[in-house]
N, C-alpha and C. Protein backbone atom coordinates (compact mmCIF):
# COMPACT_ATOMS: atom_id res chain seq x y z
N MET A 1 -40.90 4.40 -26.04
CA MET A 1 -41.75 5.43 -25.50
C MET A 1 -40.84 6.51 -24.96
N PRO A 2 -40.44 7.43 -25.87
CA PRO A 2 -39.58 8.57 -25.42
C PRO A 2 -40.31 9.49 -24.50
N ARG A 3 -39.60 10.26 -23.70
CA ARG A 3 -40.20 11.21 -22.80
C ARG A 3 -40.76 12.40 -23.59
N LYS A 4 -41.82 13.00 -23.10
CA LYS A 4 -42.42 14.15 -23.77
C LYS A 4 -41.60 15.36 -23.39
N THR A 5 -41.45 16.25 -24.36
CA THR A 5 -40.68 17.49 -24.07
C THR A 5 -41.60 18.66 -24.37
N ASN A 6 -41.43 19.69 -23.58
CA ASN A 6 -42.22 20.92 -23.84
C ASN A 6 -41.23 21.96 -24.30
N LEU A 7 -41.62 22.73 -25.30
CA LEU A 7 -40.73 23.73 -25.80
C LEU A 7 -41.24 25.12 -25.23
N ASP A 8 -40.33 25.78 -24.60
CA ASP A 8 -40.64 27.08 -24.08
C ASP A 8 -40.38 28.06 -25.20
N ARG A 9 -41.43 28.58 -25.83
CA ARG A 9 -41.22 29.46 -26.96
C ARG A 9 -41.14 30.91 -26.58
N ARG A 10 -39.96 31.40 -26.72
CA ARG A 10 -39.80 32.85 -26.44
C ARG A 10 -39.51 33.58 -27.69
N ALA A 11 -39.52 32.95 -28.82
CA ALA A 11 -39.13 33.61 -30.09
C ALA A 11 -40.35 34.20 -30.81
N GLY A 12 -41.38 34.47 -30.09
CA GLY A 12 -42.53 35.16 -30.72
C GLY A 12 -43.47 34.22 -31.39
N GLY A 13 -43.46 32.97 -31.10
CA GLY A 13 -44.47 32.02 -31.64
C GLY A 13 -44.37 31.81 -33.13
N ARG A 14 -43.18 31.52 -33.61
CA ARG A 14 -43.01 31.34 -35.10
C ARG A 14 -43.31 29.95 -35.54
N GLY A 15 -43.66 29.05 -34.62
CA GLY A 15 -44.03 27.68 -35.02
C GLY A 15 -42.77 26.81 -35.01
N ARG A 16 -42.76 25.79 -35.91
CA ARG A 16 -41.66 24.81 -35.93
C ARG A 16 -40.44 25.29 -36.65
N ARG A 17 -40.56 26.29 -37.53
CA ARG A 17 -39.46 26.75 -38.35
C ARG A 17 -38.40 27.51 -37.48
N GLY A 18 -38.90 28.48 -36.66
CA GLY A 18 -38.01 29.34 -35.95
C GLY A 18 -37.71 28.88 -34.60
N ARG A 19 -36.78 27.96 -34.39
CA ARG A 19 -36.45 27.50 -33.04
C ARG A 19 -35.17 28.13 -32.54
N THR A 20 -34.90 29.25 -32.92
CA THR A 20 -33.65 29.87 -32.43
C THR A 20 -33.74 30.24 -30.97
N GLY A 21 -34.86 30.74 -30.49
CA GLY A 21 -34.97 31.16 -29.12
C GLY A 21 -35.66 30.15 -28.21
N ALA A 22 -36.03 28.97 -28.75
CA ALA A 22 -36.75 28.04 -27.93
C ALA A 22 -35.81 27.15 -27.15
N THR A 23 -36.12 26.90 -25.91
CA THR A 23 -35.34 26.02 -25.05
C THR A 23 -36.16 24.80 -24.76
N GLU A 24 -35.49 23.72 -24.63
CA GLU A 24 -36.19 22.44 -24.44
C GLU A 24 -36.25 22.12 -22.94
N VAL A 25 -37.45 21.92 -22.42
CA VAL A 25 -37.65 21.60 -20.98
C VAL A 25 -38.07 20.20 -20.84
N ARG A 26 -37.31 19.34 -20.21
CA ARG A 26 -37.65 17.91 -20.10
C ARG A 26 -38.68 17.67 -18.94
N VAL A 27 -39.59 16.82 -19.26
CA VAL A 27 -40.57 16.41 -18.21
C VAL A 27 -40.04 15.20 -17.49
N PRO A 28 -39.95 15.24 -16.20
CA PRO A 28 -39.32 14.08 -15.55
C PRO A 28 -40.17 12.84 -15.68
N ARG A 29 -39.45 11.74 -15.83
CA ARG A 29 -40.13 10.39 -16.02
C ARG A 29 -40.69 9.93 -14.68
N PRO A 30 -41.96 9.56 -14.62
CA PRO A 30 -42.51 9.06 -13.35
C PRO A 30 -41.91 7.72 -13.04
N LYS A 31 -41.45 7.53 -11.78
CA LYS A 31 -40.93 6.27 -11.36
C LYS A 31 -42.04 5.42 -10.76
N PRO A 32 -42.18 4.22 -11.31
CA PRO A 32 -43.31 3.37 -10.84
C PRO A 32 -43.02 2.84 -9.44
N LYS A 33 -44.08 2.69 -8.68
CA LYS A 33 -43.95 2.10 -7.34
C LYS A 33 -43.94 0.56 -7.48
N ILE A 34 -42.97 -0.05 -6.95
CA ILE A 34 -42.92 -1.52 -7.03
C ILE A 34 -43.74 -2.09 -5.85
N ASP A 35 -44.89 -2.58 -6.20
CA ASP A 35 -45.80 -3.12 -5.22
C ASP A 35 -45.99 -4.56 -5.37
N PHE A 36 -44.98 -5.26 -5.84
CA PHE A 36 -45.04 -6.67 -5.97
C PHE A 36 -43.61 -7.21 -5.67
N THR A 37 -43.58 -8.56 -5.40
CA THR A 37 -42.33 -9.23 -5.10
C THR A 37 -41.82 -9.95 -6.31
N VAL A 38 -40.61 -10.48 -6.24
CA VAL A 38 -40.07 -11.29 -7.35
C VAL A 38 -40.95 -12.50 -7.56
N ASP A 39 -41.53 -13.01 -6.49
CA ASP A 39 -42.41 -14.18 -6.63
C ASP A 39 -43.60 -13.93 -7.49
N ALA A 40 -44.07 -12.60 -7.51
CA ALA A 40 -45.23 -12.28 -8.35
C ALA A 40 -44.91 -12.27 -9.80
N LEU A 41 -43.63 -12.15 -10.15
CA LEU A 41 -43.18 -12.08 -11.51
C LEU A 41 -43.10 -13.57 -12.05
N ASP A 42 -44.27 -14.12 -12.19
CA ASP A 42 -44.39 -15.49 -12.65
C ASP A 42 -44.92 -15.51 -14.04
N TYR A 43 -44.64 -16.53 -14.84
CA TYR A 43 -45.13 -16.55 -16.24
C TYR A 43 -46.64 -16.72 -16.21
N LYS A 44 -47.27 -17.17 -15.12
CA LYS A 44 -48.71 -17.36 -15.17
C LYS A 44 -49.46 -16.07 -14.80
N ASN A 45 -48.76 -15.04 -14.28
CA ASN A 45 -49.36 -13.77 -13.89
C ASN A 45 -49.36 -12.84 -15.14
N VAL A 46 -50.24 -13.18 -16.06
CA VAL A 46 -50.19 -12.46 -17.35
C VAL A 46 -50.62 -10.99 -17.23
N ASN A 47 -51.54 -10.70 -16.34
CA ASN A 47 -51.98 -9.31 -16.16
C ASN A 47 -50.84 -8.39 -15.71
N LEU A 48 -50.02 -8.85 -14.80
CA LEU A 48 -48.92 -8.08 -14.40
C LEU A 48 -47.81 -7.93 -15.51
N LEU A 49 -47.63 -9.02 -16.24
CA LEU A 49 -46.57 -9.02 -17.32
C LEU A 49 -46.95 -8.11 -18.44
N ARG A 50 -48.27 -7.97 -18.70
CA ARG A 50 -48.63 -7.14 -19.86
C ARG A 50 -48.36 -5.61 -19.57
N GLN A 51 -48.20 -5.23 -18.31
CA GLN A 51 -47.89 -3.81 -18.02
C GLN A 51 -46.51 -3.48 -18.47
N PHE A 52 -45.63 -4.45 -18.62
CA PHE A 52 -44.26 -4.18 -19.07
C PHE A 52 -43.93 -4.53 -20.51
N VAL A 53 -44.99 -4.65 -21.30
CA VAL A 53 -44.84 -5.02 -22.69
C VAL A 53 -45.60 -3.99 -23.52
N THR A 54 -45.03 -3.54 -24.68
CA THR A 54 -45.66 -2.59 -25.50
C THR A 54 -46.84 -3.27 -26.32
N ASP A 55 -47.55 -2.48 -27.04
CA ASP A 55 -48.70 -3.04 -27.88
C ASP A 55 -48.14 -3.94 -28.96
N ALA A 56 -46.86 -3.61 -29.39
CA ALA A 56 -46.29 -4.45 -30.44
C ALA A 56 -45.71 -5.78 -29.90
N GLY A 57 -45.67 -5.87 -28.53
CA GLY A 57 -45.24 -7.08 -27.92
C GLY A 57 -43.72 -7.06 -27.46
N ARG A 58 -43.10 -5.87 -27.50
CA ARG A 58 -41.71 -5.75 -27.06
C ARG A 58 -41.62 -5.44 -25.56
N ILE A 59 -40.61 -6.06 -24.94
CA ILE A 59 -40.41 -5.84 -23.52
C ILE A 59 -39.77 -4.47 -23.28
N LEU A 60 -40.39 -3.75 -22.33
CA LEU A 60 -39.78 -2.44 -22.03
C LEU A 60 -38.50 -2.54 -21.31
N PRO A 61 -37.55 -1.67 -21.64
CA PRO A 61 -36.23 -1.72 -20.92
C PRO A 61 -36.33 -1.09 -19.49
N ARG A 62 -35.29 -1.28 -18.75
CA ARG A 62 -35.21 -0.77 -17.38
C ARG A 62 -35.38 0.70 -17.35
N LYS A 63 -34.94 1.38 -18.38
CA LYS A 63 -35.05 2.86 -18.46
C LYS A 63 -36.45 3.30 -18.34
N TYR A 64 -37.38 2.56 -18.81
CA TYR A 64 -38.79 2.89 -18.81
C TYR A 64 -39.56 2.23 -17.67
N THR A 65 -39.15 1.04 -17.28
CA THR A 65 -39.85 0.34 -16.20
C THR A 65 -39.42 0.86 -14.86
N GLY A 66 -38.14 1.25 -14.70
CA GLY A 66 -37.68 1.69 -13.39
C GLY A 66 -37.45 0.55 -12.43
N LEU A 67 -37.38 -0.66 -12.90
CA LEU A 67 -37.22 -1.84 -12.04
C LEU A 67 -35.73 -2.03 -11.80
N PRO A 68 -35.42 -2.62 -10.61
CA PRO A 68 -34.05 -3.02 -10.37
C PRO A 68 -33.60 -4.11 -11.35
N ALA A 69 -32.30 -4.26 -11.50
CA ALA A 69 -31.78 -5.23 -12.48
C ALA A 69 -32.23 -6.60 -12.21
N HIS A 70 -32.26 -7.04 -10.97
CA HIS A 70 -32.72 -8.41 -10.63
C HIS A 70 -34.15 -8.63 -11.06
N TYR A 71 -35.02 -7.59 -10.79
CA TYR A 71 -36.44 -7.73 -11.19
C TYR A 71 -36.59 -7.73 -12.67
N GLN A 72 -35.79 -6.94 -13.37
CA GLN A 72 -35.93 -6.87 -14.85
C GLN A 72 -35.49 -8.19 -15.48
N ARG A 73 -34.47 -8.82 -14.97
CA ARG A 73 -34.05 -10.19 -15.48
C ARG A 73 -35.15 -11.18 -15.31
N GLN A 74 -35.71 -11.21 -14.05
CA GLN A 74 -36.86 -12.13 -13.78
C GLN A 74 -38.07 -11.85 -14.65
N LEU A 75 -38.31 -10.54 -14.87
CA LEU A 75 -39.47 -10.12 -15.73
C LEU A 75 -39.24 -10.65 -17.15
N THR A 76 -38.07 -10.47 -17.67
CA THR A 76 -37.75 -10.93 -18.99
C THR A 76 -37.91 -12.47 -19.18
N ARG A 77 -37.41 -13.16 -18.16
CA ARG A 77 -37.55 -14.63 -18.22
C ARG A 77 -39.04 -15.02 -18.13
N SER A 78 -39.78 -14.39 -17.30
CA SER A 78 -41.19 -14.70 -17.17
C SER A 78 -41.97 -14.42 -18.46
N ILE A 79 -41.69 -13.30 -19.08
CA ILE A 79 -42.38 -12.89 -20.35
C ILE A 79 -42.02 -13.91 -21.45
N GLU A 80 -40.78 -14.25 -21.55
CA GLU A 80 -40.40 -15.24 -22.58
C GLU A 80 -41.03 -16.59 -22.32
N ARG A 81 -41.14 -17.02 -21.08
CA ARG A 81 -41.79 -18.29 -20.81
C ARG A 81 -43.28 -18.22 -21.11
N ALA A 82 -43.93 -17.10 -20.77
CA ALA A 82 -45.36 -16.92 -21.11
C ALA A 82 -45.60 -16.93 -22.61
N ARG A 83 -44.65 -16.42 -23.33
CA ARG A 83 -44.76 -16.42 -24.83
C ARG A 83 -44.62 -17.83 -25.33
N GLN A 84 -43.70 -18.60 -24.77
CA GLN A 84 -43.53 -19.93 -25.26
C GLN A 84 -44.71 -20.83 -24.97
N MET A 85 -45.40 -20.53 -23.95
CA MET A 85 -46.61 -21.29 -23.62
C MET A 85 -47.88 -20.72 -24.15
N LEU A 86 -47.72 -19.71 -25.02
CA LEU A 86 -48.80 -19.04 -25.73
C LEU A 86 -49.81 -18.37 -24.83
N LEU A 87 -49.31 -17.93 -23.60
CA LEU A 87 -50.14 -17.17 -22.70
C LEU A 87 -50.20 -15.65 -23.13
N MET A 88 -49.02 -15.28 -23.74
CA MET A 88 -48.92 -13.92 -24.20
C MET A 88 -48.53 -13.92 -25.69
N LYS A 89 -48.74 -12.78 -26.31
CA LYS A 89 -48.33 -12.67 -27.69
C LYS A 89 -46.96 -12.08 -27.81
């Protein structure tokens, strides 16, 4: 899930071909509020774990989740355990 970028077009609106005068403005990534504890990152708490998995079933990295390293490791372990028990896909 890459960040969205907005192009500031000052080159007279030539579309995609003429990007000589366009500058790229990055949209800041929203930081999620951590409103749970490490204890909530349990393999049985499937609703919480699904927030950190893509539709294809891949675990989102820290860059996108914004979690501390300790929480991310616990999250990964919980997701893998839930997958082994067929609670998640």
